[in-house]
Amino acid sequence: MQQRERYRVVIRCLNCGEKYILRGYLNDQGEFETGFKRCVCGNDQQLHTDASPE
């Protein structure tokens, strides 16, 4: 069984400054899958994402 590498993903909303720290995986398109949909302020477009392997 192959295990995917897990990442620590930090998402910061550029509208209100809220910060989310999540764990996720890199998908086939090169994007991080964390289950995050949108900030509490309703923003789902202007987000800054940083990721580092765990």
PDB file of N, CA and C in Angstrom:
ATOM      1  N   MET A   1       0.839  -1.178   0.000  1.00  0.00           N
ATOM      2  CA  MET A   1       0.000   0.000   0.000  1.00  0.00           C
ATOM      3  C   MET A   1       0.889   1.247   0.000  1.00  0.00           C
ATOM      4  N   GLN A   2       0.630   2.147  -0.948  1.00  0.00           N
ATOM      5  CA  GLN A   2       1.418   3.371  -1.052  1.00  0.00           C
ATOM      6  C   GLN A   2       0.774   4.482  -0.238  1.00  0.00           C
ATOM      7  N   GLN A   3       1.595   5.143   0.575  1.00  0.00           N
ATOM      8  CA  GLN A   3       1.101   6.232   1.396  1.00  0.00           C
ATOM      9  C   GLN A   3       1.476   7.551   0.755  1.00  0.00           C
ATOM     10  N   ARG A   4       0.509   8.468   0.652  1.00  0.00           N
ATOM     11  CA  ARG A   4       0.792   9.789   0.097  1.00  0.00           C
ATOM     12  C   ARG A   4       1.420  10.655   1.169  1.00  0.00           C
ATOM     13  N   GLU A   5       2.287  11.556   0.729  1.00  0.00           N
ATOM     14  CA  GLU A   5       2.933  12.464   1.677  1.00  0.00           C
ATOM     15  C   GLU A   5       1.925  13.502   2.159  1.00  0.00           C
ATOM     16  N   ARG A   6       1.898  13.726   3.458  1.00  0.00           N
ATOM     17  CA  ARG A   6       0.975  14.675   4.058  1.00  0.00           C
ATOM     18  C   ARG A   6       1.672  16.015   4.215  1.00  0.00           C
ATOM     19  N   TYR A   7       0.913  17.103   4.026  1.00  0.00           N
ATOM     20  CA  TYR A   7       1.448  18.457   4.107  1.00  0.00           C
ATOM     21  C   TYR A   7       0.725  19.261   5.171  1.00  0.00           C
ATOM     22  N   ARG A   8       1.463  20.196   5.760  1.00  0.00           N
ATOM     23  CA  ARG A   8       0.868  21.190   6.658  1.00  0.00           C
ATOM     24  C   ARG A   8       0.579  22.401   5.789  1.00  0.00           C
ATOM     25  N   VAL A   9      -0.697  22.764   5.658  1.00  0.00           N
ATOM     26  CA  VAL A   9      -1.117  23.827   4.758  1.00  0.00           C
ATOM     27  C   VAL A   9      -1.635  24.998   5.591  1.00  0.00           C
ATOM     28  N   VAL A  10      -1.073  26.172   5.356  1.00  0.00           N
ATOM     29  CA  VAL A  10      -1.514  27.388   6.029  1.00  0.00           C
ATOM     30  C   VAL A  10      -2.228  28.244   4.987  1.00  0.00           C
ATOM     31  N   ILE A  11      -3.499  28.548   5.237  1.00  0.00           N
ATOM     32  CA  ILE A  11      -4.308  29.361   4.334  1.00  0.00           C
ATOM     33  C   ILE A  11      -4.630  30.662   5.055  1.00  0.00           C
ATOM     34  N   ARG A  12      -4.312  31.785   4.421  1.00  0.00           N
ATOM     35  CA  ARG A  12      -4.610  33.099   4.991  1.00  0.00           C
ATOM     36  C   ARG A  12      -5.541  33.846   4.043  1.00  0.00           C
ATOM     37  N   CYS A  13      -6.632  34.368   4.604  1.00  0.00           N
ATOM     38  CA  CYS A  13      -7.597  35.155   3.840  1.00  0.00           C
ATOM     39  C   CYS A  13      -7.022  36.556   3.652  1.00  0.00           C
ATOM     40  N   LEU A  14      -6.980  37.026   2.406  1.00  0.00           N
ATOM     41  CA  LEU A  14      -6.445  38.351   2.120  1.00  0.00           C
ATOM     42  C   LEU A  14      -7.475  39.447   2.375  1.00  0.00           C
ATOM     43  N   ASN A  15      -8.752  39.078   2.584  1.00  0.00           N
ATOM     44  CA  ASN A  15      -9.789  40.074   2.897  1.00  0.00           C
ATOM     45  C   ASN A  15      -9.795  40.440   4.379  1.00  0.00           C
ATOM     46  N   CYS A  16      -9.885  39.431   5.243  1.00  0.00           N
ATOM     47  CA  CYS A  16     -10.044  39.705   6.670  1.00  0.00           C
ATOM     48  C   CYS A  16      -8.823  39.328   7.507  1.00  0.00           C
ATOM     49  N   GLY A  17      -7.868  38.593   6.943  1.00  0.00           N
ATOM     50  CA  GLY A  17      -6.658  38.229   7.671  1.00  0.00           C
ATOM     51  C   GLY A  17      -6.761  36.957   8.488  1.00  0.00           C
ATOM     52  N   GLU A  18      -7.904  36.276   8.439  1.00  0.00           N
ATOM     53  CA  GLU A  18      -8.080  35.013   9.172  1.00  0.00           C
ATOM     54  C   GLU A  18      -7.068  33.985   8.677  1.00  0.00           C
ATOM     55  N   LYS A  19      -6.560  33.156   9.592  1.00  0.00           N
ATOM     56  CA  LYS A  19      -5.549  32.156   9.256  1.00  0.00           C
ATOM     57  C   LYS A  19      -6.052  30.772   9.636  1.00  0.00           C
ATOM     58  N   TYR A  20      -5.877  29.812   8.724  1.00  0.00           N
ATOM     59  CA  TYR A  20      -6.284  28.431   8.938  1.00  0.00           C
ATOM     60  C   TYR A  20      -5.061  27.538   8.773  1.00  0.00           C
ATOM     61  N   ILE A  21      -4.869  26.619   9.698  1.00  0.00           N
ATOM     62  CA  ILE A  21      -3.778  25.654   9.610  1.00  0.00           C
ATOM     63  C   ILE A  21      -4.421  24.277   9.476  1.00  0.00           C
ATOM     64  N   LEU A  22      -4.161  23.629   8.332  1.00  0.00           N
ATOM     65  CA  LEU A  22      -4.811  22.365   8.002  1.00  0.00           C
ATOM     66  C   LEU A  22      -3.770  21.347   7.567  1.00  0.00           C
ATOM     67  N   ARG A  23      -4.190  20.099   7.475  1.00  0.00           N
ATOM     68  CA  ARG A  23      -3.353  19.049   6.912  1.00  0.00           C
ATOM     69  C   ARG A  23      -4.007  18.595   5.622  1.00  0.00           C
ATOM     70  N   GLY A  24      -3.169  18.303   4.630  1.00  0.00           N
ATOM     71  CA  GLY A  24      -3.731  17.895   3.354  1.00  0.00           C
ATOM     72  C   GLY A  24      -2.745  17.099   2.533  1.00  0.00           C
ATOM     73  N   TYR A  25      -3.199  16.729   1.352  1.00  0.00           N
ATOM     74  CA  TYR A  25      -2.417  15.926   0.419  1.00  0.00           C
ATOM     75  C   TYR A  25      -2.356  16.640  -0.918  1.00  0.00           C
ATOM     76  N   LEU A  26      -1.316  16.377  -1.677  1.00  0.00           N
ATOM     77  CA  LEU A  26      -1.151  16.914  -3.016  1.00  0.00           C
ATOM     78  C   LEU A  26      -1.915  16.003  -3.982  1.00  0.00           C
ATOM     79  N   ASN A  27      -2.803  16.597  -4.821  1.00  0.00           N
ATOM     80  CA  ASN A  27      -3.554  15.775  -5.770  1.00  0.00           C
ATOM     81  C   ASN A  27      -2.832  15.703  -7.109  1.00  0.00           C
ATOM     82  N   ASP A  28      -3.419  15.035  -8.080  1.00  0.00           N
ATOM     83  CA  ASP A  28      -2.791  14.819  -9.383  1.00  0.00           C
ATOM     84  C   ASP A  28      -2.608  16.110 -10.177  1.00  0.00           C
ATOM     85  N   GLN A  29      -3.411  17.136  -9.895  1.00  0.00           N
ATOM     86  CA  GLN A  29      -3.304  18.421 -10.588  1.00  0.00           C
ATOM     87  C   GLN A  29      -2.298  19.357  -9.926  1.00  0.00           C
ATOM     88  N   GLY A  30      -1.645  18.917  -8.846  1.00  0.00           N
ATOM     89  CA  GLY A  30      -0.659  19.739  -8.157  1.00  0.00           C
ATOM     90  C   GLY A  30      -1.258  20.704  -7.154  1.00  0.00           C
ATOM     91  N   GLU A  31      -2.523  20.500  -6.785  1.00  0.00           N
ATOM     92  CA  GLU A  31      -3.206  21.341  -5.802  1.00  0.00           C
ATOM     93  C   GLU A  31      -3.300  20.590  -4.485  1.00  0.00           C
ATOM     94  N   PHE A  32      -3.436  21.342  -3.389  1.00  0.00           N
ATOM     95  CA  PHE A  32      -3.543  20.730  -2.070  1.00  0.00           C
ATOM     96  C   PHE A  32      -5.000  20.480  -1.733  1.00  0.00           C
ATOM     97  N   GLU A  33      -5.289  19.257  -1.316  1.00  0.00           N
ATOM     98  CA  GLU A  33      -6.636  18.886  -0.887  1.00  0.00           C
ATOM     99  C   GLU A  33      -6.683  18.900   0.634  1.00  0.00           C
ATOM    100  N   THR A  34      -7.461  19.822   1.180  1.00  0.00           N
ATOM    101  CA  THR A  34      -7.596  19.933   2.630  1.00  0.00           C
ATOM    102  C   THR A  34      -9.055  19.878   3.078  1.00  0.00           C
ATOM    103  N   GLY A  35      -9.974  20.056   2.140  1.00  0.00           N
ATOM    104  CA  GLY A  35     -11.382  20.139   2.499  1.00  0.00           C
ATOM    105  C   GLY A  35     -11.824  21.571   2.749  1.00  0.00           C
ATOM    106  N   PHE A  36     -10.898  22.541   2.659  1.00  0.00           N
ATOM    107  CA  PHE A  36     -11.213  23.949   2.878  1.00  0.00           C
ATOM    108  C   PHE A  36     -12.044  24.470   1.717  1.00  0.00           C
ATOM    109  N   LYS A  37     -13.151  25.162   2.020  1.00  0.00           N
ATOM    110  CA  LYS A  37     -14.017  25.711   0.970  1.00  0.00           C
ATOM    111  C   LYS A  37     -13.960  27.233   0.917  1.00  0.00           C
ATOM    112  N   ARG A  38     -14.174  27.913   2.064  1.00  0.00           N
ATOM    113  CA  ARG A  38     -14.151  29.378   2.093  1.00  0.00           C
ATOM    114  C   ARG A  38     -13.956  29.880   3.513  1.00  0.00           C
ATOM    115  N   CYS A  39     -13.506  31.116   3.603  1.00  0.00           N
ATOM    116  CA  CYS A  39     -13.271  31.775   4.890  1.00  0.00           C
ATOM    117  C   CYS A  39     -14.603  32.102   5.563  1.00  0.00           C
ATOM    118  N   VAL A  40     -14.567  32.394   6.842  1.00  0.00           N
ATOM    119  CA  VAL A  40     -15.778  32.758   7.576  1.00  0.00           C
ATOM    120  C   VAL A  40     -16.369  34.076   7.074  1.00  0.00           C
ATOM    121  N   CYS A  41     -15.556  34.926   6.423  1.00  0.00           N
ATOM    122  CA  CYS A  41     -16.062  36.188   5.879  1.00  0.00           C
ATOM    123  C   CYS A  41     -16.728  35.983   4.524  1.00  0.00           C
ATOM    124  N   GLY A  42     -16.699  34.763   3.990  1.00  0.00           N
ATOM    125  CA  GLY A  42     -17.348  34.459   2.717  1.00  0.00           C
ATOM    126  C   GLY A  42     -16.390  34.456   1.533  1.00  0.00           C
ATOM    127  N   ASN A  43     -15.153  34.845   1.740  1.00  0.00           N
ATOM    128  CA  ASN A  43     -14.163  34.892   0.665  1.00  0.00           C
ATOM    129  C   ASN A  43     -13.747  33.484   0.265  1.00  0.00           C
ATOM    130  N   ASP A  44     -13.794  33.208  -1.047  1.00  0.00           N
ATOM    131  CA  ASP A  44     -13.298  31.914  -1.531  1.00  0.00           C
ATOM    132  C   ASP A  44     -12.349  32.087  -2.714  1.00  0.00           C
ATOM    133  N   GLN A  45     -11.950  33.318  -3.016  1.00  0.00           N
ATOM    134  CA  GLN A  45     -11.078  33.592  -4.152  1.00  0.00           C
ATOM    135  C   GLN A  45      -9.714  34.136  -3.744  1.00  0.00           C
ATOM    136  N   GLN A  46      -9.671  35.139  -2.886  1.00  0.00           N
ATOM    137  CA  GLN A  46      -8.421  35.808  -2.526  1.00  0.00           C
ATOM    138  C   GLN A  46      -7.822  35.159  -1.278  1.00  0.00           C
ATOM    139  N   LEU A  47      -7.103  34.053  -1.510  1.00  0.00           N
ATOM    140  CA  LEU A  47      -6.501  33.298  -0.408  1.00  0.00           C
ATOM    141  C   LEU A  47      -5.023  33.092  -0.713  1.00  0.00           C
ATOM    142  N   HIS A  48      -4.200  33.171   0.329  1.00  0.00           N
ATOM    143  CA  HIS A  48      -2.770  32.893   0.178  1.00  0.00           C
ATOM    144  C   HIS A  48      -2.509  31.550   0.860  1.00  0.00           C
ATOM    145  N   THR A  49      -1.842  30.643   0.132  1.00  0.00           N
ATOM    146  CA  THR A  49      -1.607  29.291   0.624  1.00  0.00           C
ATOM    147  C   THR A  49      -0.125  28.994   0.687  1.00  0.00           C
ATOM    148  N   ASP A  50       0.340  28.499   1.847  1.00  0.00           N
ATOM    149  CA  ASP A  50       1.698  28.008   2.025  1.00  0.00           C
ATOM    150  C   ASP A  50       1.616  26.566   2.487  1.00  0.00           C
ATOM    151  N   ALA A  51       2.532  25.737   2.005  1.00  0.00           N
ATOM    152  CA  ALA A  51       2.519  24.330   2.405  1.00  0.00           C
ATOM    153  C   ALA A  51       3.929  23.840   2.647  1.00  0.00           C
ATOM    154  N   SER A  52       4.060  22.933   3.609  1.00  0.00           N
ATOM    155  CA  SER A  52       5.346  22.303   3.887  1.00  0.00           C
ATOM    156  C   SER A  52       5.084  20.853   4.283  1.00  0.00           C
ATOM    157  N   PRO A  53       5.973  19.948   3.883  1.00  0.00           N
ATOM    158  CA  PRO A  53       5.785  18.535   4.239  1.00  0.00           C
ATOM    159  C   PRO A  53       5.863  18.337   5.750  1.00  0.00           C
ATOM    160  N   GLU A  54       5.104  17.365   6.238  1.00  0.00           N
ATOM    161  CA  GLU A  54       5.141  17.065   7.670  1.00  0.00           C
ATOM    162  C   GLU A  54       6.265  16.123   7.970  1.00  0.00           C
TER     163      GLU A  54
END
